[in-house]
N, C-alpha and C. Protein backbone atom coordinates (compact mmCIF):
# COMPACT_ATOMS: atom_id res chain seq x y z
N UNK A 1 2.36 -49.11 37.12
CA UNK A 1 2.36 -48.99 35.65
C UNK A 1 1.44 -47.92 35.23
N UNK A 2 0.26 -47.94 35.84
CA UNK A 2 -0.63 -46.86 35.33
C UNK A 2 -0.11 -45.31 35.62
N UNK A 3 0.80 -45.25 36.71
CA UNK A 3 1.19 -43.97 36.99
C UNK A 3 2.19 -43.45 36.07
N UNK A 4 2.87 -44.46 35.47
CA UNK A 4 4.01 -44.01 34.34
C UNK A 4 3.31 -43.72 33.06
N UNK A 5 2.23 -44.39 32.79
CA UNK A 5 1.35 -44.07 31.64
C UNK A 5 0.72 -42.60 31.74
N UNK A 6 0.20 -42.29 32.85
CA UNK A 6 -0.25 -40.90 33.16
C UNK A 6 0.57 -39.95 32.97
N UNK A 7 1.88 -40.11 33.56
CA UNK A 7 2.84 -39.06 33.63
C UNK A 7 3.41 -38.78 32.31
N UNK A 8 3.50 -39.76 31.35
CA UNK A 8 3.94 -39.51 30.00
C UNK A 8 3.03 -38.80 29.15
N UNK A 9 1.77 -39.08 29.28
CA UNK A 9 0.81 -38.38 28.47
C UNK A 9 0.41 -37.03 28.94
N UNK A 10 0.43 -36.71 30.21
CA UNK A 10 0.03 -35.38 30.64
C UNK A 10 0.98 -34.23 30.25
N UNK A 11 2.42 -34.36 30.19
CA UNK A 11 3.13 -33.46 29.83
C UNK A 11 3.08 -33.06 28.22
N UNK A 12 2.74 -34.22 27.54
CA UNK A 12 2.61 -34.17 26.06
C UNK A 12 1.41 -33.22 25.76
N UNK A 13 0.32 -33.40 26.62
CA UNK A 13 -0.99 -32.71 26.44
C UNK A 13 -0.63 -31.16 26.78
N UNK A 14 0.19 -30.87 27.80
CA UNK A 14 0.41 -29.54 28.13
C UNK A 14 1.29 -28.92 27.31
N UNK A 15 2.15 -29.79 26.43
CA UNK A 15 3.07 -28.98 25.58
C UNK A 15 2.25 -28.61 24.34
N UNK A 16 1.19 -29.44 24.00
CA UNK A 16 0.46 -29.02 22.88
C UNK A 16 -0.34 -27.77 23.18
N UNK A 17 -0.75 -27.64 24.39
CA UNK A 17 -1.75 -26.41 24.68
C UNK A 17 -0.81 -25.10 25.00
N UNK A 18 0.43 -25.20 25.33
CA UNK A 18 1.22 -24.09 25.52
C UNK A 18 2.13 -23.80 24.33
N UNK A 19 2.06 -24.51 23.21
CA UNK A 19 2.98 -24.37 22.08
C UNK A 19 2.45 -22.97 21.54
N UNK A 20 3.47 -22.20 21.09
CA UNK A 20 3.10 -20.90 20.47
C UNK A 20 2.59 -21.07 19.09
N UNK A 21 1.76 -20.17 18.69
CA UNK A 21 1.22 -20.31 17.35
C UNK A 21 2.15 -20.02 16.29
N UNK A 22 2.18 -20.84 15.27
CA UNK A 22 3.15 -20.78 14.24
C UNK A 22 2.93 -19.58 13.30
N UNK A 23 3.84 -18.67 13.17
CA UNK A 23 3.64 -17.53 12.26
C UNK A 23 4.51 -17.67 10.90
N UNK A 24 3.83 -17.42 9.88
CA UNK A 24 4.43 -17.65 8.44
C UNK A 24 5.39 -16.48 8.29
N UNK A 25 6.40 -16.64 7.50
CA UNK A 25 7.26 -15.56 7.05
C UNK A 25 6.65 -14.53 6.28
N UNK A 26 5.66 -14.99 5.24
CA UNK A 26 4.98 -14.04 4.38
C UNK A 26 3.54 -14.08 4.74
N UNK A 27 2.81 -13.12 4.31
CA UNK A 27 1.45 -13.12 4.39
C UNK A 27 0.79 -13.10 2.88
N UNK A 28 -0.52 -12.93 2.90
CA UNK A 28 -1.25 -12.87 1.60
C UNK A 28 -0.79 -11.89 0.64
N UNK A 29 -0.42 -10.79 1.11
CA UNK A 29 -0.16 -9.68 0.30
C UNK A 29 1.30 -9.87 -0.48
N UNK A 30 2.11 -10.44 0.49
CA UNK A 30 3.46 -10.88 -0.09
C UNK A 30 3.35 -11.85 -1.36
N UNK A 31 2.58 -12.79 -1.15
CA UNK A 31 2.20 -13.87 -2.28
C UNK A 31 1.64 -13.17 -3.45
N UNK A 32 0.85 -12.21 -3.26
CA UNK A 32 0.06 -11.53 -4.37
C UNK A 32 1.15 -10.71 -5.17
N UNK A 33 1.99 -9.88 -4.42
CA UNK A 33 3.02 -9.31 -5.13
C UNK A 33 4.12 -10.29 -5.78
N UNK A 34 4.26 -11.36 -5.23
CA UNK A 34 5.16 -12.32 -5.84
C UNK A 34 4.58 -12.96 -7.11
N UNK A 35 3.19 -13.14 -7.09
CA UNK A 35 2.67 -13.67 -8.28
C UNK A 35 2.43 -12.56 -9.37
N UNK A 36 2.30 -11.34 -9.00
CA UNK A 36 2.27 -10.22 -9.93
C UNK A 36 3.68 -10.08 -10.65
N UNK A 37 4.66 -10.25 -9.79
CA UNK A 37 6.13 -10.22 -10.37
C UNK A 37 6.45 -11.17 -11.26
N UNK A 38 5.88 -12.46 -11.04
CA UNK A 38 6.13 -13.64 -11.89
C UNK A 38 5.25 -13.38 -13.36
N UNK A 39 4.15 -12.82 -13.12
CA UNK A 39 3.32 -12.52 -14.30
C UNK A 39 4.07 -11.58 -15.25
N UNK A 40 4.62 -10.43 -14.63
CA UNK A 40 5.27 -9.42 -15.42
C UNK A 40 6.61 -10.08 -16.09
N UNK A 41 7.48 -10.96 -15.41
CA UNK A 41 8.57 -11.63 -15.98
C UNK A 41 8.16 -12.52 -17.06
N UNK A 42 7.15 -13.24 -16.90
CA UNK A 42 6.78 -14.25 -18.13
C UNK A 42 6.03 -13.38 -19.26
N UNK A 43 5.35 -12.39 -18.99
CA UNK A 43 4.88 -11.51 -20.05
C UNK A 43 5.96 -10.79 -20.84
N UNK A 44 7.02 -10.26 -20.13
CA UNK A 44 8.23 -9.80 -20.71
C UNK A 44 8.86 -10.83 -21.81
N UNK A 45 9.01 -12.14 -21.14
CA UNK A 45 9.74 -13.14 -22.07
C UNK A 45 8.82 -13.42 -23.19
N UNK A 46 7.48 -13.43 -23.14
CA UNK A 46 6.62 -13.76 -24.25
C UNK A 46 6.73 -12.62 -25.24
N UNK A 47 6.75 -11.44 -24.78
CA UNK A 47 6.81 -10.17 -25.64
C UNK A 47 8.19 -10.38 -26.40
N UNK A 48 9.19 -10.78 -25.76
CA UNK A 48 10.61 -10.92 -26.35
C UNK A 48 10.74 -12.00 -27.45
N UNK A 49 9.82 -13.07 -27.27
CA UNK A 49 9.96 -14.23 -28.13
C UNK A 49 9.40 -13.92 -29.43
N UNK A 50 9.64 -14.89 -30.51
CA UNK A 50 9.07 -14.71 -31.71
C UNK A 50 10.08 -14.28 -32.84
N UNK A 51 9.57 -13.75 -33.82
CA UNK A 51 10.49 -13.08 -34.82
C UNK A 51 10.87 -14.11 -36.03
N UNK A 52 10.21 -15.13 -35.90
CA UNK A 52 10.71 -16.25 -36.95
C UNK A 52 10.26 -15.75 -38.32
N UNK A 53 11.08 -15.92 -39.26
CA UNK A 53 10.67 -15.54 -40.70
C UNK A 53 10.13 -16.82 -41.46
N UNK A 54 9.14 -16.45 -42.32
CA UNK A 54 8.72 -17.42 -43.16
C UNK A 54 9.84 -18.17 -44.15
N UNK A 55 10.76 -17.21 -44.51
CA UNK A 55 11.65 -17.65 -45.39
C UNK A 55 13.06 -17.69 -44.64
N UNK A 56 13.65 -18.98 -44.39
CA UNK A 56 14.82 -19.00 -43.66
C UNK A 56 16.09 -18.10 -44.15
N UNK A 57 15.99 -17.81 -45.40
CA UNK A 57 17.07 -17.13 -45.96
C UNK A 57 17.09 -15.56 -45.92
N UNK A 58 15.78 -15.15 -45.57
CA UNK A 58 15.63 -13.71 -45.46
C UNK A 58 15.59 -13.24 -44.00
N UNK A 59 16.33 -12.20 -43.76
CA UNK A 59 16.51 -11.57 -42.42
C UNK A 59 15.52 -10.32 -42.37
N UNK A 60 14.47 -10.38 -41.44
CA UNK A 60 13.62 -9.29 -41.30
C UNK A 60 14.04 -8.36 -40.24
N UNK A 61 14.74 -7.32 -40.52
CA UNK A 61 15.38 -6.32 -39.55
C UNK A 61 14.34 -5.69 -38.64
N UNK A 62 13.22 -5.35 -39.11
CA UNK A 62 12.24 -4.68 -38.38
C UNK A 62 11.56 -5.42 -37.41
N UNK A 63 11.42 -6.79 -37.85
CA UNK A 63 10.65 -7.70 -36.70
C UNK A 63 11.52 -8.03 -35.66
N UNK A 64 12.85 -8.47 -35.89
CA UNK A 64 13.70 -8.79 -34.78
C UNK A 64 14.11 -7.66 -33.97
N UNK A 65 14.44 -6.51 -34.55
CA UNK A 65 14.85 -5.37 -33.73
C UNK A 65 13.54 -4.19 -33.56
N UNK A 66 12.38 -4.81 -33.16
CA UNK A 66 11.27 -3.95 -32.87
C UNK A 66 11.29 -3.30 -31.47
N UNK A 67 10.68 -2.29 -31.32
CA UNK A 67 10.68 -1.58 -30.07
C UNK A 67 10.24 -2.49 -29.04
N UNK A 68 9.23 -3.29 -29.35
CA UNK A 68 8.67 -4.11 -28.38
C UNK A 68 9.75 -5.19 -27.74
N UNK A 69 10.54 -5.84 -28.72
CA UNK A 69 11.48 -6.79 -28.33
C UNK A 69 12.71 -6.29 -27.73
N UNK A 70 13.06 -4.97 -27.99
CA UNK A 70 14.41 -4.24 -27.62
C UNK A 70 14.25 -3.51 -26.46
N UNK A 71 13.05 -2.90 -26.32
CA UNK A 71 12.85 -1.93 -25.11
C UNK A 71 11.80 -2.31 -24.22
N UNK A 72 10.60 -2.62 -24.64
CA UNK A 72 9.74 -2.75 -23.67
C UNK A 72 9.75 -4.14 -22.93
N UNK A 73 10.00 -5.13 -23.69
CA UNK A 73 10.07 -6.45 -22.97
C UNK A 73 11.13 -6.56 -21.78
N UNK A 74 12.37 -6.00 -22.11
CA UNK A 74 13.38 -6.09 -20.99
C UNK A 74 13.02 -5.13 -19.87
N UNK A 75 12.29 -4.04 -20.09
CA UNK A 75 11.84 -3.15 -19.17
C UNK A 75 10.73 -3.86 -18.19
N UNK A 76 9.94 -4.74 -18.83
CA UNK A 76 8.91 -5.46 -18.13
C UNK A 76 9.49 -6.50 -17.23
N UNK A 77 10.56 -7.12 -17.75
CA UNK A 77 11.18 -8.12 -17.07
C UNK A 77 11.99 -7.74 -15.79
N UNK A 78 12.66 -6.54 -15.94
CA UNK A 78 13.23 -5.83 -14.80
C UNK A 78 12.13 -5.33 -13.78
N UNK A 79 11.03 -4.80 -14.22
CA UNK A 79 10.05 -4.52 -13.38
C UNK A 79 9.58 -5.62 -12.49
N UNK A 80 9.30 -6.77 -13.23
CA UNK A 80 8.96 -7.90 -12.61
C UNK A 80 10.00 -8.40 -11.43
N UNK A 81 11.25 -8.29 -11.87
CA UNK A 81 12.18 -8.56 -10.81
C UNK A 81 12.19 -7.82 -9.57
N UNK A 82 11.96 -6.40 -9.84
CA UNK A 82 11.80 -5.45 -8.85
C UNK A 82 10.67 -5.67 -7.87
N UNK A 83 9.44 -6.05 -8.65
CA UNK A 83 8.24 -6.43 -7.77
C UNK A 83 8.63 -7.72 -6.91
N UNK A 84 9.31 -8.64 -7.40
CA UNK A 84 9.59 -9.77 -6.65
C UNK A 84 10.60 -9.32 -5.40
N UNK A 85 11.50 -8.66 -5.70
CA UNK A 85 12.26 -8.09 -4.70
C UNK A 85 11.59 -7.36 -3.35
N UNK A 86 10.71 -6.50 -3.99
CA UNK A 86 9.77 -5.80 -2.94
C UNK A 86 8.78 -6.79 -2.19
N UNK A 87 8.44 -7.76 -2.84
CA UNK A 87 7.45 -8.87 -2.19
C UNK A 87 8.27 -9.51 -1.13
N UNK A 88 9.60 -9.69 -1.28
CA UNK A 88 10.48 -10.60 -0.46
C UNK A 88 10.84 -9.62 0.82
N UNK A 89 11.09 -8.37 0.55
CA UNK A 89 11.51 -7.51 1.50
C UNK A 89 10.37 -6.88 2.36
N UNK A 90 9.04 -6.84 1.66
CA UNK A 90 7.99 -6.22 2.36
C UNK A 90 7.71 -7.08 3.82
N UNK A 91 7.54 -6.36 4.83
CA UNK A 91 7.13 -6.99 6.05
C UNK A 91 5.65 -7.36 6.08
N UNK A 92 5.24 -8.51 6.58
CA UNK A 92 3.94 -8.83 6.74
C UNK A 92 3.20 -7.77 7.68
N UNK A 93 1.86 -7.79 7.55
CA UNK A 93 0.99 -6.81 8.21
C UNK A 93 1.15 -7.07 9.85
N UNK A 94 1.03 -8.38 10.20
CA UNK A 94 1.10 -8.88 11.50
C UNK A 94 2.45 -8.44 12.22
N UNK A 95 3.55 -8.43 11.47
CA UNK A 95 4.63 -8.07 12.12
C UNK A 95 4.91 -6.57 12.16
N UNK A 96 4.38 -5.92 11.21
CA UNK A 96 4.44 -4.38 11.14
C UNK A 96 3.67 -3.82 12.35
N UNK A 97 2.46 -4.41 12.67
CA UNK A 97 1.57 -3.88 13.77
C UNK A 97 2.32 -4.23 15.19
N UNK A 98 3.05 -5.23 15.23
CA UNK A 98 3.63 -5.46 16.67
C UNK A 98 4.78 -4.64 16.96
């Protein structure tokens, strides 16, 4: 019985020592680019929001159709999505060196 116990524990210990080191799909730089992309997208949506009028019967054309809401905010959102795509497609430094 002691032979059986020794034989089952020995291969398990060998498997642990010979197991390859786990490599992650992304490294720190990928995650930093992803965080930057999310910040750009959120900032774009914040710039696009608002425009509520004090008087609900009055339409403020200049506030709704301002350059910030019509041009700058959508460009920031698209840039954020482009940064996200770059962060996903970028090869980690460990893979690029090998």
